[in-house]
């Protein structure tokens, strides 16, 4: 398989047409080898416009890599700066953390599954990326250990907890896929004051839920 041709086609046919036009983002998508973060059984699908199952050694983890255009659009929407500290919840294969690490000072990415944490660590090490720390644990607990300029939720949530928003530094931005099937949208939330936040719905998409995040109470008769 010609990975370079496939990568070029991904950027030109999927990414650009989804309004991802920032030159630094596009350059990073060429520089970070997505195929090296995909489980071996799915390597040939690394650049396809779909979510890729994170099946490790024949074991289905129940997690997926987000589609390339969704990762790219989310990255562009909260593009970190050189001095920024970033938190990603949902480490997956480590690919989104690798993209964020090209811009930020440091990235903490976390996952509940140790096998996914090990997979992400191995992929990041092979890629020579040294400013990402992979931690096993629930994202809300990991967030409590620091404050961040950018927070990325690599999965969907019914709503963004207030406790997580409080971990944003002033001017900080969070991106996540918010809602319930069949209606979800990528939402960017910017901290504008001590307890003030500005929320924007950027585009519609769907994703598997992040496990153990709080859910809204259901009305019962």
N, C-alpha and C. Protein backbone atom coordinates (compact mmCIF):
# COMPACT_ATOMS: atom_id res chain seq x y z
N UNK A 1 0.84 -1.20 0.00
CA UNK A 1 0.00 0.00 0.00
C UNK A 1 0.87 1.25 0.00
N UNK A 2 0.51 2.23 -0.80
CA UNK A 2 1.23 3.50 -0.86
C UNK A 2 0.65 4.43 0.22
N UNK A 3 1.29 4.41 1.39
CA UNK A 3 0.78 5.19 2.51
C UNK A 3 0.85 6.69 2.24
N UNK A 4 1.89 7.13 1.54
CA UNK A 4 2.01 8.57 1.31
C UNK A 4 0.90 9.07 0.38
N UNK A 5 0.56 8.29 -0.64
CA UNK A 5 -0.55 8.67 -1.52
C UNK A 5 -1.87 8.65 -0.74
N UNK A 6 -2.05 7.63 0.10
CA UNK A 6 -3.27 7.53 0.90
C UNK A 6 -3.37 8.71 1.87
N UNK A 7 -2.24 9.11 2.45
CA UNK A 7 -2.24 10.24 3.38
C UNK A 7 -2.61 11.53 2.64
N UNK A 8 -2.04 11.72 1.47
CA UNK A 8 -2.34 12.91 0.66
C UNK A 8 -3.82 12.95 0.31
N UNK A 9 -4.36 11.80 -0.10
CA UNK A 9 -5.79 11.75 -0.46
C UNK A 9 -6.66 12.04 0.75
N UNK A 10 -6.26 11.53 1.92
CA UNK A 10 -7.02 11.81 3.14
C UNK A 10 -7.10 13.30 3.40
N UNK A 11 -5.96 13.96 3.33
CA UNK A 11 -5.93 15.40 3.61
C UNK A 11 -6.73 16.18 2.58
N UNK A 12 -6.55 15.87 1.31
CA UNK A 12 -7.19 16.64 0.26
C UNK A 12 -8.68 16.35 0.11
N UNK A 13 -9.08 15.09 0.29
CA UNK A 13 -10.46 14.71 0.01
C UNK A 13 -11.36 14.69 1.24
N UNK A 14 -10.77 14.46 2.42
CA UNK A 14 -11.57 14.43 3.65
C UNK A 14 -11.37 15.67 4.50
N UNK A 15 -10.10 15.98 4.78
CA UNK A 15 -9.79 17.00 5.78
C UNK A 15 -10.11 18.41 5.26
N UNK A 16 -9.58 18.76 4.10
CA UNK A 16 -9.83 20.10 3.56
C UNK A 16 -11.31 20.35 3.31
N UNK A 17 -12.00 19.35 2.83
CA UNK A 17 -13.42 19.54 2.52
C UNK A 17 -14.27 19.66 3.78
N UNK A 18 -13.67 19.40 4.93
CA UNK A 18 -14.37 19.57 6.21
C UNK A 18 -13.91 20.86 6.90
N UNK A 19 -13.48 21.81 6.11
CA UNK A 19 -13.13 23.16 6.58
C UNK A 19 -11.93 23.17 7.51
N UNK A 20 -11.03 22.21 7.35
CA UNK A 20 -9.76 22.24 8.07
C UNK A 20 -8.72 22.80 7.11
N UNK A 21 -8.38 24.06 7.31
CA UNK A 21 -7.54 24.77 6.36
C UNK A 21 -6.31 25.39 7.02
N UNK A 22 -6.19 25.27 8.34
CA UNK A 22 -5.02 25.84 9.02
C UNK A 22 -3.76 25.14 8.51
N UNK A 23 -2.80 25.89 7.98
CA UNK A 23 -1.61 25.25 7.39
C UNK A 23 -0.79 24.45 8.39
N UNK A 24 -0.74 24.89 9.64
CA UNK A 24 0.02 24.14 10.65
C UNK A 24 -0.66 22.80 10.97
N UNK A 25 -1.98 22.79 10.99
CA UNK A 25 -2.70 21.55 11.22
C UNK A 25 -2.47 20.59 10.06
N UNK A 26 -2.58 21.08 8.85
CA UNK A 26 -2.39 20.23 7.67
C UNK A 26 -0.97 19.67 7.63
N UNK A 27 0.00 20.50 7.95
CA UNK A 27 1.39 20.03 7.98
C UNK A 27 1.57 18.93 9.03
N UNK A 28 0.93 19.09 10.17
CA UNK A 28 1.04 18.09 11.23
C UNK A 28 0.41 16.77 10.82
N UNK A 29 -0.69 16.82 10.08
CA UNK A 29 -1.33 15.59 9.62
C UNK A 29 -0.43 14.82 8.66
N UNK A 30 0.42 15.51 7.95
CA UNK A 30 1.40 14.84 7.09
C UNK A 30 2.57 14.31 7.92
N UNK A 31 2.94 15.03 8.97
CA UNK A 31 4.14 14.67 9.74
C UNK A 31 3.91 13.50 10.69
N UNK A 32 2.74 13.44 11.31
CA UNK A 32 2.44 12.37 12.27
C UNK A 32 1.84 11.20 11.49
N UNK A 33 2.49 10.07 11.52
CA UNK A 33 2.11 8.91 10.71
C UNK A 33 0.94 8.16 11.35
N UNK A 34 -0.24 8.48 10.89
CA UNK A 34 -1.46 7.89 11.46
C UNK A 34 -1.43 6.36 11.41
N UNK A 35 -0.88 5.80 10.36
CA UNK A 35 -0.86 4.34 10.22
C UNK A 35 -0.09 3.65 11.33
N UNK A 36 0.83 4.37 11.97
CA UNK A 36 1.61 3.77 13.06
C UNK A 36 0.86 3.76 14.39
N UNK A 37 -0.32 4.37 14.43
CA UNK A 37 -1.13 4.40 15.64
C UNK A 37 -2.37 3.51 15.53
N UNK A 38 -2.50 2.83 14.41
CA UNK A 38 -3.66 1.98 14.16
C UNK A 38 -3.30 0.54 14.51
N UNK A 39 -4.21 -0.22 15.14
CA UNK A 39 -3.93 -1.65 15.37
C UNK A 39 -3.52 -2.33 14.06
N UNK A 40 -2.54 -3.21 14.11
CA UNK A 40 -2.01 -3.82 12.88
C UNK A 40 -3.08 -4.39 11.96
N UNK A 41 -4.13 -4.98 12.50
CA UNK A 41 -5.16 -5.60 11.67
C UNK A 41 -5.93 -4.58 10.83
N UNK A 42 -5.87 -3.30 11.23
CA UNK A 42 -6.63 -2.26 10.53
C UNK A 42 -5.72 -1.25 9.84
N UNK A 43 -4.45 -1.56 9.70
CA UNK A 43 -3.50 -0.58 9.18
C UNK A 43 -3.89 -0.08 7.78
N UNK A 44 -4.41 -0.98 6.97
CA UNK A 44 -4.79 -0.60 5.61
C UNK A 44 -5.96 0.39 5.59
N UNK A 45 -6.67 0.51 6.72
CA UNK A 45 -7.81 1.43 6.81
C UNK A 45 -7.45 2.73 7.54
N UNK A 46 -6.17 2.94 7.77
CA UNK A 46 -5.74 4.08 8.60
C UNK A 46 -6.25 5.42 8.08
N UNK A 47 -6.42 5.56 6.78
CA UNK A 47 -6.79 6.85 6.20
C UNK A 47 -8.23 6.88 5.72
N UNK A 48 -9.01 5.86 6.05
CA UNK A 48 -10.40 5.80 5.63
C UNK A 48 -11.26 6.74 6.47
N UNK A 49 -12.35 7.16 5.89
CA UNK A 49 -13.26 8.10 6.55
C UNK A 49 -14.21 7.34 7.47
N UNK A 50 -13.64 6.78 8.53
CA UNK A 50 -14.45 6.00 9.47
C UNK A 50 -13.71 5.87 10.79
N UNK A 51 -14.46 5.48 11.83
CA UNK A 51 -13.83 5.17 13.11
C UNK A 51 -13.20 3.78 13.02
N UNK A 52 -12.03 3.61 13.60
CA UNK A 52 -11.32 2.34 13.55
C UNK A 52 -11.38 1.66 14.90
N UNK A 53 -11.86 0.41 14.97
CA UNK A 53 -11.93 -0.30 16.25
C UNK A 53 -10.53 -0.49 16.83
N UNK A 54 -10.41 -0.26 18.12
CA UNK A 54 -9.14 -0.48 18.80
C UNK A 54 -9.15 -1.90 19.37
N UNK A 55 -8.91 -2.85 18.48
CA UNK A 55 -8.83 -4.26 18.84
C UNK A 55 -7.36 -4.63 19.01
N UNK A 56 -7.00 -5.07 20.19
CA UNK A 56 -5.59 -5.33 20.51
C UNK A 56 -5.39 -6.82 20.74
N UNK A 57 -4.52 -7.42 19.95
CA UNK A 57 -4.23 -8.86 20.07
C UNK A 57 -5.51 -9.68 20.05
N UNK A 58 -6.41 -9.30 19.17
CA UNK A 58 -7.65 -10.04 19.02
C UNK A 58 -8.72 -9.73 20.05
N UNK A 59 -8.43 -8.84 20.98
CA UNK A 59 -9.39 -8.48 22.04
C UNK A 59 -10.03 -7.13 21.71
N UNK A 60 -11.34 -7.11 21.59
CA UNK A 60 -12.06 -5.88 21.33
C UNK A 60 -12.15 -5.06 22.61
N UNK A 61 -11.61 -3.85 22.60
CA UNK A 61 -11.65 -3.00 23.78
C UNK A 61 -12.97 -2.24 23.89
N UNK A 62 -13.72 -2.19 22.79
CA UNK A 62 -14.94 -1.40 22.78
C UNK A 62 -14.70 0.06 22.47
N UNK A 63 -13.42 0.45 22.27
CA UNK A 63 -13.08 1.83 21.95
C UNK A 63 -12.71 1.95 20.48
N UNK A 64 -12.78 3.17 19.95
CA UNK A 64 -12.46 3.44 18.55
C UNK A 64 -11.57 4.66 18.42
N UNK A 65 -10.79 4.68 17.34
CA UNK A 65 -10.14 5.93 16.92
C UNK A 65 -11.19 6.77 16.20
N UNK A 66 -11.26 8.04 16.52
CA UNK A 66 -12.16 8.92 15.80
C UNK A 66 -11.75 9.00 14.33
N UNK A 67 -12.70 9.30 13.46
CA UNK A 67 -12.40 9.45 12.04
C UNK A 67 -11.39 10.59 11.84
N UNK A 68 -10.54 10.49 10.81
CA UNK A 68 -9.50 11.52 10.61
C UNK A 68 -10.03 12.94 10.55
N UNK A 69 -11.14 13.15 9.85
CA UNK A 69 -11.64 14.51 9.70
C UNK A 69 -12.16 15.07 11.02
N UNK A 70 -12.67 14.20 11.89
CA UNK A 70 -13.16 14.66 13.19
C UNK A 70 -11.98 15.06 14.07
N UNK A 71 -10.94 14.22 14.12
CA UNK A 71 -9.73 14.58 14.88
C UNK A 71 -9.15 15.90 14.39
N UNK A 72 -9.06 16.05 13.07
CA UNK A 72 -8.45 17.26 12.51
C UNK A 72 -9.26 18.50 12.84
N UNK A 73 -10.57 18.40 12.73
CA UNK A 73 -11.43 19.57 13.01
C UNK A 73 -11.36 19.93 14.50
N UNK A 74 -11.33 18.91 15.36
CA UNK A 74 -11.23 19.18 16.79
C UNK A 74 -9.89 19.82 17.13
N UNK A 75 -8.82 19.32 16.51
CA UNK A 75 -7.50 19.91 16.73
C UNK A 75 -7.49 21.38 16.32
N UNK A 76 -8.00 21.67 15.14
CA UNK A 76 -8.01 23.05 14.65
C UNK A 76 -8.83 23.97 15.56
N UNK A 77 -9.88 23.44 16.16
CA UNK A 77 -10.78 24.28 16.95
C UNK A 77 -10.20 24.72 18.28
N UNK A 78 -9.19 23.99 18.79
CA UNK A 78 -8.59 24.36 20.09
C UNK A 78 -7.06 24.43 19.99
N UNK A 79 -6.54 24.72 18.84
CA UNK A 79 -5.12 24.62 18.54
C UNK A 79 -4.24 25.15 19.69
N UNK A 80 -3.50 24.26 20.35
CA UNK A 80 -2.65 24.71 21.48
C UNK A 80 -1.49 25.57 21.01
N UNK A 81 -0.93 26.31 21.97
CA UNK A 81 0.27 27.10 21.71
C UNK A 81 1.45 26.48 22.45
N UNK A 82 2.65 26.96 22.15
CA UNK A 82 3.87 26.32 22.64
C UNK A 82 3.95 26.21 24.16
N UNK A 83 3.39 27.16 24.86
CA UNK A 83 3.48 27.10 26.32
C UNK A 83 2.32 26.40 26.99
N UNK A 84 1.43 25.83 26.23
CA UNK A 84 0.18 25.31 26.79
C UNK A 84 0.32 23.91 27.37
N UNK A 85 -0.44 23.68 28.43
CA UNK A 85 -0.62 22.35 29.02
C UNK A 85 -1.97 21.82 28.55
N UNK A 86 -1.96 20.57 28.08
CA UNK A 86 -3.14 19.98 27.46
C UNK A 86 -3.53 18.70 28.19
N UNK A 87 -4.83 18.49 28.34
CA UNK A 87 -5.37 17.23 28.86
C UNK A 87 -6.26 16.62 27.79
N UNK A 88 -6.01 15.34 27.48
CA UNK A 88 -6.93 14.59 26.63
C UNK A 88 -7.55 13.47 27.46
N UNK A 89 -8.85 13.34 27.41
CA UNK A 89 -9.53 12.25 28.09
C UNK A 89 -9.99 11.25 27.03
N UNK A 90 -9.46 10.04 27.13
CA UNK A 90 -9.70 9.01 26.12
C UNK A 90 -8.46 8.84 25.26
N UNK A 91 -7.42 8.20 25.81
CA UNK A 91 -6.13 8.11 25.12
C UNK A 91 -6.22 7.32 23.84
N UNK A 92 -7.03 6.25 23.84
CA UNK A 92 -7.13 5.44 22.64
C UNK A 92 -5.78 4.91 22.19
N UNK A 93 -5.42 5.17 20.95
CA UNK A 93 -4.15 4.70 20.39
C UNK A 93 -3.02 5.67 20.63
N UNK A 94 -3.31 6.86 21.16
CA UNK A 94 -2.29 7.89 21.34
C UNK A 94 -2.18 8.85 20.18
N UNK A 95 -2.99 8.65 19.12
CA UNK A 95 -2.82 9.48 17.92
C UNK A 95 -3.21 10.94 18.16
N UNK A 96 -4.35 11.17 18.80
CA UNK A 96 -4.75 12.56 19.05
C UNK A 96 -3.75 13.25 19.96
N UNK A 97 -3.23 12.54 20.95
CA UNK A 97 -2.21 13.12 21.83
C UNK A 97 -0.97 13.48 21.03
N UNK A 98 -0.61 12.64 20.06
CA UNK A 98 0.56 12.91 19.22
C UNK A 98 0.36 14.18 18.40
N UNK A 99 -0.84 14.39 17.89
CA UNK A 99 -1.13 15.62 17.14
C UNK A 99 -1.05 16.84 18.06
N UNK A 100 -1.67 16.75 19.22
CA UNK A 100 -1.66 17.87 20.17
C UNK A 100 -0.23 18.20 20.61
N UNK A 101 0.59 17.17 20.76
CA UNK A 101 1.96 17.35 21.25
C UNK A 101 2.84 18.13 20.29
N UNK A 102 2.44 18.20 19.02
CA UNK A 102 3.23 18.97 18.05
C UNK A 102 3.14 20.47 18.31
N UNK A 103 2.13 20.87 19.08
CA UNK A 103 1.90 22.30 19.33
C UNK A 103 2.12 22.69 20.78
N UNK A 104 1.81 21.80 21.72
CA UNK A 104 1.77 22.15 23.14
C UNK A 104 3.10 21.92 23.83
N UNK A 105 3.24 22.51 25.01
CA UNK A 105 4.40 22.23 25.87
C UNK A 105 4.33 20.82 26.42
N UNK A 106 3.13 20.43 26.89
CA UNK A 106 2.98 19.10 27.48
C UNK A 106 1.55 18.63 27.29
N UNK A 107 1.40 17.32 27.19
CA UNK A 107 0.08 16.70 27.04
C UNK A 107 -0.03 15.56 28.05
N UNK A 108 -1.12 15.55 28.79
CA UNK A 108 -1.48 14.41 29.62
C UNK A 108 -2.68 13.76 28.95
N UNK A 109 -2.58 12.47 28.66
CA UNK A 109 -3.71 11.74 28.09
C UNK A 109 -4.00 10.54 28.98
N UNK A 110 -5.27 10.22 29.15
CA UNK A 110 -5.62 9.18 30.12
C UNK A 110 -6.69 8.26 29.55
N UNK A 111 -6.72 7.06 30.10
CA UNK A 111 -7.73 6.08 29.70
C UNK A 111 -7.98 5.15 30.88
N UNK A 112 -9.16 4.58 30.93
CA UNK A 112 -9.49 3.65 32.01
C UNK A 112 -8.85 2.28 31.80
N UNK A 113 -8.58 1.92 30.55
CA UNK A 113 -8.05 0.59 30.23
C UNK A 113 -6.52 0.61 30.19
N UNK A 114 -5.91 -0.28 30.94
CA UNK A 114 -4.45 -0.36 30.95
C UNK A 114 -3.91 -0.83 29.61
N UNK A 115 -4.62 -1.73 28.92
CA UNK A 115 -4.11 -2.19 27.63
C UNK A 115 -4.07 -1.06 26.61
N UNK A 116 -5.04 -0.16 26.66
CA UNK A 116 -4.99 0.99 25.76
C UNK A 116 -3.89 1.96 26.17
N UNK A 117 -3.70 2.15 27.46
CA UNK A 117 -2.60 3.00 27.92
C UNK A 117 -1.26 2.46 27.42
N UNK A 118 -1.07 1.16 27.53
CA UNK A 118 0.18 0.55 27.07
C UNK A 118 0.34 0.70 25.56
N UNK A 119 -0.76 0.52 24.82
CA UNK A 119 -0.72 0.68 23.37
C UNK A 119 -0.35 2.11 22.99
N UNK A 120 -0.97 3.09 23.66
CA UNK A 120 -0.67 4.49 23.38
C UNK A 120 0.78 4.82 23.72
N UNK A 121 1.26 4.33 24.87
CA UNK A 121 2.66 4.60 25.25
C UNK A 121 3.63 4.05 24.21
N UNK A 122 3.38 2.83 23.76
CA UNK A 122 4.27 2.21 22.78
C UNK A 122 4.26 2.98 21.46
N UNK A 123 3.07 3.42 21.02
CA UNK A 123 2.98 4.16 19.77
C UNK A 123 3.68 5.51 19.86
N UNK A 124 3.50 6.20 20.97
CA UNK A 124 4.13 7.51 21.15
C UNK A 124 5.64 7.38 21.24
N UNK A 125 6.11 6.33 21.92
CA UNK A 125 7.55 6.10 22.01
C UNK A 125 8.14 5.81 20.64
N UNK A 126 7.47 4.98 19.86
CA UNK A 126 7.96 4.64 18.52
C UNK A 126 8.00 5.87 17.62
N UNK A 127 7.07 6.79 17.85
CA UNK A 127 7.03 8.02 17.05
C UNK A 127 8.01 9.07 17.54
N UNK A 128 8.71 8.79 18.64
CA UNK A 128 9.69 9.74 19.17
C UNK A 128 9.08 10.96 19.81
N UNK A 129 7.88 10.81 20.36
CA UNK A 129 7.18 11.94 20.99
C UNK A 129 7.37 11.86 22.50
N UNK A 130 8.07 12.83 23.06
CA UNK A 130 8.46 12.74 24.46
C UNK A 130 7.72 13.67 25.40
N UNK A 131 6.82 14.51 24.89
CA UNK A 131 6.14 15.46 25.77
C UNK A 131 4.69 15.07 26.06
N UNK A 132 4.42 13.74 25.98
CA UNK A 132 3.10 13.21 26.34
C UNK A 132 3.26 12.23 27.49
N UNK A 133 2.44 12.41 28.52
CA UNK A 133 2.38 11.47 29.64
C UNK A 133 1.06 10.73 29.57
N UNK A 134 1.11 9.40 29.52
CA UNK A 134 -0.09 8.57 29.47
C UNK A 134 -0.37 8.04 30.87
N UNK A 135 -1.58 8.30 31.35
CA UNK A 135 -1.94 7.91 32.71
C UNK A 135 -3.22 7.08 32.70
N UNK A 136 -3.20 5.99 33.44
CA UNK A 136 -4.42 5.22 33.59
C UNK A 136 -5.28 5.85 34.68
N UNK A 137 -6.53 6.07 34.36
CA UNK A 137 -7.43 6.64 35.36
C UNK A 137 -8.60 7.33 34.70
N UNK A 138 -9.59 7.66 35.51
CA UNK A 138 -10.76 8.38 35.02
C UNK A 138 -10.39 9.83 34.74
N UNK A 139 -10.87 10.34 33.64
CA UNK A 139 -10.49 11.69 33.22
C UNK A 139 -10.80 12.77 34.23
N UNK A 140 -11.93 12.66 34.91
CA UNK A 140 -12.28 13.70 35.87
C UNK A 140 -11.34 13.68 37.07
N UNK A 141 -10.88 12.50 37.46
CA UNK A 141 -9.91 12.40 38.55
C UNK A 141 -8.55 12.91 38.13
N UNK A 142 -8.14 12.58 36.91
CA UNK A 142 -6.85 13.06 36.40
C UNK A 142 -6.87 14.58 36.27
N UNK A 143 -7.98 15.12 35.83
CA UNK A 143 -8.09 16.58 35.67
C UNK A 143 -7.90 17.32 36.98
N UNK A 144 -8.33 16.72 38.08
CA UNK A 144 -8.24 17.37 39.38
C UNK A 144 -6.79 17.59 39.82
N UNK A 145 -5.85 16.93 39.16
CA UNK A 145 -4.44 17.04 39.55
C UNK A 145 -3.74 18.27 38.97
N UNK A 146 -4.41 18.99 38.08
CA UNK A 146 -3.76 20.14 37.47
C UNK A 146 -4.75 21.11 36.87
N UNK A 147 -4.23 22.09 36.16
CA UNK A 147 -5.07 23.00 35.38
C UNK A 147 -4.50 23.04 33.97
N UNK A 148 -5.37 23.36 32.99
CA UNK A 148 -5.00 23.14 31.60
C UNK A 148 -5.49 24.29 30.72
N UNK A 149 -4.73 24.51 29.66
CA UNK A 149 -5.10 25.52 28.67
C UNK A 149 -6.04 24.94 27.62
N UNK A 150 -5.91 23.64 27.38
CA UNK A 150 -6.75 22.95 26.41
C UNK A 150 -7.16 21.60 27.00
N UNK A 151 -8.44 21.25 26.86
CA UNK A 151 -8.93 19.93 27.24
C UNK A 151 -9.67 19.35 26.04
N UNK A 152 -9.33 18.12 25.69
CA UNK A 152 -9.95 17.43 24.55
C UNK A 152 -10.63 16.18 25.05
N UNK A 153 -11.90 16.02 24.73
CA UNK A 153 -12.64 14.80 25.06
C UNK A 153 -12.72 13.96 23.79
N UNK A 154 -11.96 12.87 23.75
CA UNK A 154 -11.93 12.03 22.55
C UNK A 154 -13.02 10.95 22.64
N UNK A 155 -14.24 11.41 22.69
CA UNK A 155 -15.42 10.57 22.83
C UNK A 155 -16.58 11.49 23.18
N UNK A 156 -17.75 10.91 23.34
CA UNK A 156 -18.92 11.75 23.59
C UNK A 156 -19.33 11.72 25.06
N UNK A 157 -19.99 12.79 25.47
CA UNK A 157 -20.55 12.91 26.82
C UNK A 157 -21.94 13.52 26.69
N UNK A 158 -22.82 13.21 27.65
CA UNK A 158 -24.15 13.82 27.61
C UNK A 158 -24.07 15.31 27.91
N UNK A 159 -23.16 15.68 28.79
CA UNK A 159 -22.92 17.08 29.11
C UNK A 159 -21.52 17.19 29.69
N UNK A 160 -20.97 18.39 29.69
CA UNK A 160 -19.64 18.62 30.23
C UNK A 160 -19.77 19.02 31.70
N UNK A 161 -19.21 18.24 32.62
CA UNK A 161 -19.35 18.56 34.04
C UNK A 161 -18.70 19.88 34.41
N UNK A 162 -19.33 20.58 35.32
CA UNK A 162 -18.79 21.85 35.82
C UNK A 162 -17.41 21.67 36.41
N UNK A 163 -17.18 20.54 37.10
CA UNK A 163 -15.88 20.32 37.73
C UNK A 163 -14.76 20.28 36.69
N UNK A 164 -15.06 19.79 35.49
CA UNK A 164 -14.05 19.74 34.44
C UNK A 164 -13.79 21.12 33.86
N UNK A 165 -14.84 21.89 33.70
CA UNK A 165 -14.67 23.26 33.19
C UNK A 165 -13.81 24.09 34.14
N UNK A 166 -13.91 23.82 35.43
CA UNK A 166 -13.13 24.57 36.41
C UNK A 166 -11.64 24.25 36.31
N UNK A 167 -11.25 23.21 35.60
CA UNK A 167 -9.83 22.89 35.43
C UNK A 167 -9.21 23.65 34.27
N UNK A 168 -10.03 24.42 33.54
CA UNK A 168 -9.50 25.26 32.47
C UNK A 168 -8.86 26.52 33.05
N UNK A 169 -7.70 26.87 32.53
CA UNK A 169 -7.10 28.15 32.87
C UNK A 169 -7.89 29.28 32.21
N UNK A 170 -7.75 30.53 32.67
CA UNK A 170 -8.43 31.65 32.02
C UNK A 170 -8.10 31.69 30.53
N UNK A 171 -9.13 31.79 29.72
CA UNK A 171 -8.95 31.78 28.27
C UNK A 171 -8.82 30.38 27.69
N UNK A 172 -8.82 29.36 28.55
CA UNK A 172 -8.66 27.98 28.09
C UNK A 172 -9.88 27.49 27.32
N UNK A 173 -9.65 26.42 26.53
CA UNK A 173 -10.70 25.92 25.64
C UNK A 173 -10.86 24.41 25.82
N UNK A 174 -12.09 23.97 25.80
CA UNK A 174 -12.41 22.54 25.83
C UNK A 174 -13.18 22.20 24.56
N UNK A 175 -12.86 21.04 23.97
CA UNK A 175 -13.62 20.54 22.82
C UNK A 175 -14.08 19.12 23.15
N UNK A 176 -15.36 18.86 22.89
CA UNK A 176 -15.90 17.53 23.12
C UNK A 176 -17.13 17.32 22.26
N UNK A 177 -17.53 16.08 22.10
CA UNK A 177 -18.74 15.74 21.36
C UNK A 177 -19.84 15.53 22.38
N UNK A 178 -20.84 16.39 22.33
CA UNK A 178 -21.83 16.49 23.40
C UNK A 178 -23.22 16.15 22.88
N UNK A 179 -23.95 15.35 23.66
CA UNK A 179 -25.32 15.03 23.31
C UNK A 179 -25.60 13.55 23.44
N UNK A 180 -26.70 13.12 22.88
CA UNK A 180 -27.11 11.72 22.89
C UNK A 180 -27.59 11.34 21.50
N UNK A 181 -27.38 10.08 21.13
CA UNK A 181 -27.87 9.61 19.83
C UNK A 181 -29.38 9.85 19.71
N UNK A 182 -29.83 10.33 18.56
CA UNK A 182 -29.07 10.51 17.32
C UNK A 182 -28.49 11.90 17.14
N UNK A 183 -28.59 12.76 18.15
CA UNK A 183 -28.17 14.16 17.98
C UNK A 183 -26.97 14.46 18.87
N UNK A 184 -25.83 14.67 18.26
CA UNK A 184 -24.61 15.09 18.96
C UNK A 184 -23.93 16.17 18.13
N UNK A 185 -23.15 16.99 18.80
CA UNK A 185 -22.37 17.99 18.07
C UNK A 185 -21.07 18.25 18.81
N UNK A 186 -20.07 18.62 18.05
CA UNK A 186 -18.79 19.01 18.64
C UNK A 186 -18.97 20.40 19.24
N UNK A 187 -18.67 20.50 20.53
CA UNK A 187 -18.90 21.74 21.26
C UNK A 187 -17.58 22.28 21.80
N UNK A 188 -17.32 23.55 21.52
CA UNK A 188 -16.14 24.22 22.08
C UNK A 188 -16.60 25.16 23.17
N UNK A 189 -15.96 25.02 24.33
CA UNK A 189 -16.30 25.87 25.48
C UNK A 189 -15.04 26.63 25.89
N UNK A 190 -15.14 27.95 25.94
CA UNK A 190 -14.01 28.81 26.29
C UNK A 190 -14.27 29.46 27.64
N UNK A 191 -13.27 29.41 28.50
CA UNK A 191 -13.41 30.07 29.81
C UNK A 191 -13.14 31.56 29.65
N UNK A 192 -14.14 32.36 29.93
CA UNK A 192 -14.04 33.81 29.75
C UNK A 192 -13.97 34.57 31.06
N UNK A 193 -14.19 33.89 32.18
CA UNK A 193 -14.15 34.55 33.49
C UNK A 193 -14.08 33.52 34.59
N UNK A 194 -14.14 33.99 35.83
CA UNK A 194 -14.02 33.09 36.97
C UNK A 194 -15.03 31.95 36.90
N UNK A 195 -16.27 32.29 36.63
CA UNK A 195 -17.32 31.28 36.48
C UNK A 195 -18.12 31.52 35.20
N UNK A 196 -17.46 32.06 34.21
CA UNK A 196 -18.13 32.39 32.96
C UNK A 196 -17.50 31.60 31.82
N UNK A 197 -18.37 31.03 30.98
CA UNK A 197 -17.92 30.20 29.87
C UNK A 197 -18.76 30.51 28.63
N UNK A 198 -18.11 30.47 27.50
CA UNK A 198 -18.80 30.70 26.22
C UNK A 198 -18.79 29.41 25.43
N UNK A 199 -19.97 28.94 25.04
CA UNK A 199 -20.12 27.65 24.37
C UNK A 199 -20.55 27.83 22.93
N UNK A 200 -19.94 27.04 22.02
CA UNK A 200 -20.27 27.08 20.60
C UNK A 200 -20.43 25.66 20.08
N UNK A 201 -21.49 25.40 19.33
CA UNK A 201 -21.64 24.14 18.60
C UNK A 201 -20.99 24.32 17.22
N UNK A 202 -19.97 23.51 16.93
CA UNK A 202 -19.17 23.71 15.73
C UNK A 202 -19.62 22.86 14.55
N UNK A 203 -19.93 21.60 14.80
CA UNK A 203 -20.38 20.73 13.72
C UNK A 203 -21.04 19.50 14.32
N UNK A 204 -21.91 18.88 13.54
CA UNK A 204 -22.60 17.68 14.00
C UNK A 204 -21.78 16.44 13.68
N UNK A 205 -21.73 15.53 14.63
CA UNK A 205 -21.06 14.25 14.44
C UNK A 205 -21.53 13.34 15.57
N UNK A 206 -21.11 12.10 15.55
CA UNK A 206 -21.43 11.17 16.64
C UNK A 206 -20.17 10.43 17.03
N UNK A 207 -20.12 9.96 18.26
CA UNK A 207 -18.98 9.18 18.75
C UNK A 207 -19.44 8.32 19.91
N UNK A 208 -18.68 7.27 20.17
CA UNK A 208 -18.97 6.41 21.31
C UNK A 208 -18.77 7.18 22.60
N UNK A 209 -19.55 6.88 23.63
CA UNK A 209 -19.45 7.65 24.89
C UNK A 209 -18.17 7.32 25.66
N UNK A 210 -17.67 8.32 26.35
CA UNK A 210 -16.59 8.12 27.31
C UNK A 210 -17.17 7.42 28.53
N UNK A 211 -16.55 6.34 28.94
CA UNK A 211 -17.11 5.53 30.02
C UNK A 211 -17.02 6.24 31.37
N UNK A 212 -18.02 6.03 32.18
CA UNK A 212 -18.10 6.47 33.56
C UNK A 212 -18.22 7.99 33.71
N UNK A 213 -18.53 8.70 32.62
CA UNK A 213 -18.85 10.12 32.77
C UNK A 213 -20.27 10.24 33.32
N UNK A 214 -20.56 11.28 34.07
CA UNK A 214 -21.91 11.43 34.63
C UNK A 214 -22.95 11.55 33.53
N UNK A 215 -24.16 11.09 33.83
CA UNK A 215 -25.27 11.17 32.90
C UNK A 215 -26.42 11.94 33.53
N UNK A 216 -27.24 12.50 32.66
CA UNK A 216 -28.40 13.24 33.17
C UNK A 216 -29.40 12.26 33.79
N UNK A 217 -30.04 12.71 34.85
CA UNK A 217 -31.08 11.88 35.46
C UNK A 217 -32.29 11.79 34.54
N UNK A 218 -32.82 10.58 34.43
CA UNK A 218 -34.00 10.34 33.60
C UNK A 218 -35.26 10.66 34.40
N UNK A 219 -36.20 11.33 33.73
CA UNK A 219 -37.47 11.61 34.39
C UNK A 219 -38.28 10.32 34.49
N UNK A 220 -38.81 10.05 35.65
CA UNK A 220 -39.62 8.86 35.85
C UNK A 220 -41.01 9.24 36.37
N UNK A 221 -42.01 8.56 35.86
CA UNK A 221 -43.37 8.83 36.34
C UNK A 221 -43.57 8.17 37.70
